């Protein structure tokens, strides 16, 4: 933009109208955070993902209390396993992907009769991502856990 103005002043081509670009700072932050996370050691990524899930867990616990639903402690078990994975560097559990699937199954499809609030959905998903990170199932899982925190914040603000 400045170069164009300088050229116009020097007799070059006329300066183009400045482009307007809508900047969404949170979206840029999310992209930068996801890019930075994949460069960290797996245990650090897992700890970060577990911290994101832990931050959302009270929202899920409130939903469970208010709705009367019971997951039999499944989400808490998965989150505890993610924390253990962050500490040990490995998940000492057979079939962590099956536990991830069981957590995700708690989230009804969009438009389902038994829909759950967005914050509960985000909390469950962040736990599933934290466990995926702990078990080494997805190198981008920590970034997706962080995304669910920003999604929950977005839903709260709206």
Foldseek 3Di string as FASTA:
>chain_A
DVVQPVCVVVVHDHRDDDDDDDDDPVVVVLVVVLVVLLVDDLLVLLVLLLVLLVVLVVVLVVQCVVVVDDPPCLLVVLSVQLNVLSVVVARPDPPLVVSLVSLLVVADDPPDPPHGDLSNNLSSQSSSLSSCSSHVNDSSSSSSSVVSSVVNVVVVVD
